[in-house]
Amino acid sequence: MPTIFVLNVEEFHPLIAHARAQAGVTVTPGPRGYTRISADSELRFNRKALGFKPAVWYGALTGGLVGRVAEFSRDELRIVGEAA
């Protein structure tokens, strides 16, 4: 199950809100100061849709993740589960 941990600061609130609106994505409290975002298949985010400037975008994974980064380009982030 791909999971990311997002720091609970104002800059990352659009990422958390977007995740809450996605079918198949679960948003729950994570370790202190973080939100856990997970999905059954994959997590997918678009920088421009979130309104993130590049510096915030590239900091999106600083809280850590479970799974594998399948794509992390200037505009797309895709996290998938680890292969068995």
Protein backbone atom coordinates (compact mmCIF):
# COMPACT_ATOMS: atom_id res chain seq x y z
CA MET A 1 0.00 0.00 0.00
CA PRO A 2 1.74 3.21 -1.12
CA THR A 3 1.82 5.79 1.66
CA ILE A 4 3.30 9.23 2.11
CA PHE A 5 3.65 11.23 5.30
CA VAL A 6 3.00 14.94 4.82
CA LEU A 7 4.13 17.59 7.29
CA ASN A 8 1.15 19.47 8.73
CA VAL A 9 2.11 22.97 7.64
CA GLU A 10 0.11 25.43 5.58
CA GLU A 11 2.28 24.97 2.48
CA PHE A 12 1.23 21.30 2.18
CA HIS A 13 -2.50 21.72 2.95
CA PRO A 14 -3.44 21.65 -0.77
CA LEU A 15 -1.83 18.21 -1.08
CA ILE A 16 -3.80 16.88 1.90
CA ALA A 17 -7.07 18.42 0.64
CA HIS A 18 -6.53 16.99 -2.84
CA ALA A 19 -5.86 13.53 -1.40
CA ARG A 20 -9.08 13.67 0.66
CA ALA A 21 -11.05 14.33 -2.53
CA GLN A 22 -9.62 11.32 -4.40
CA ALA A 23 -11.51 8.03 -4.59
CA GLY A 24 -9.54 5.14 -3.13
CA VAL A 25 -7.24 7.39 -1.10
CA THR A 26 -7.25 7.35 2.70
CA VAL A 27 -6.12 10.36 4.76
CA THR A 28 -5.50 9.77 8.47
CA PRO A 29 -3.42 11.31 11.24
CA GLY A 30 0.16 10.11 11.08
CA PRO A 31 2.99 10.44 13.56
CA ARG A 32 2.96 13.68 15.52
CA GLY A 33 2.86 16.64 13.16
CA TYR A 34 2.20 14.58 10.01
CA THR A 35 -0.73 13.35 7.95
CA ARG A 36 -0.68 9.85 6.44
CA ILE A 37 -1.95 9.55 2.85
CA SER A 38 -2.31 6.04 1.43
CA ALA A 39 -4.03 4.19 -1.39
CA ASP A 40 -4.65 0.61 -2.44
CA SER A 41 -3.00 0.96 -5.85
CA GLU A 42 -1.06 4.19 -6.34
CA LEU A 43 -0.84 7.81 -5.26
CA ARG A 44 -0.74 10.38 -8.03
CA PHE A 45 -0.38 14.15 -7.76
CA ASN A 46 0.14 17.00 -10.23
CA ARG A 47 2.16 20.04 -9.14
CA LYS A 48 0.23 22.57 -11.19
CA ALA A 49 -3.15 21.23 -10.02
CA LEU A 50 -1.97 21.68 -6.43
CA GLY A 51 -0.66 25.19 -7.12
CA PHE A 52 2.77 24.29 -5.73
CA LYS A 53 5.88 26.23 -6.61
CA PRO A 54 8.84 23.94 -7.39
CA ALA A 55 10.49 24.35 -3.96
CA VAL A 56 7.37 23.17 -2.13
CA TRP A 57 6.77 20.43 -4.71
CA TYR A 58 10.23 18.92 -4.26
CA GLY A 59 9.78 19.01 -0.49
CA ALA A 60 6.55 17.01 -0.59
CA LEU A 61 8.23 13.71 0.30
CA THR A 62 10.38 14.98 3.17
CA GLY A 63 8.06 13.26 5.68
CA GLY A 64 8.89 9.88 4.22
CA LEU A 65 7.07 7.23 2.23
CA VAL A 66 6.22 3.57 2.05
CA GLY A 67 6.38 2.16 -1.46
CA ARG A 68 8.36 3.11 -4.51
CA VAL A 69 8.64 6.37 -6.42
CA ALA A 70 7.52 5.42 -9.93
CA GLU A 71 7.68 9.01 -11.20
CA PHE A 72 8.78 12.31 -9.70
CA SER A 73 9.17 14.89 -12.43
CA ARG A 74 8.75 18.63 -12.43
CA ASP A 75 4.97 18.21 -12.59
CA GLU A 76 4.01 14.62 -11.73
CA LEU A 77 4.43 12.48 -8.64
CA ARG A 78 3.43 8.84 -8.62
CA ILE A 79 4.03 6.45 -5.71
CA VAL A 80 3.26 2.74 -6.11
CA GLY A 81 3.37 -0.21 -3.72
CA GLU A 82 6.55 -2.16 -3.41
CA ALA A 83 6.80 -5.17 -5.72
CA ALA A 84 6.40 -8.49 -3.96
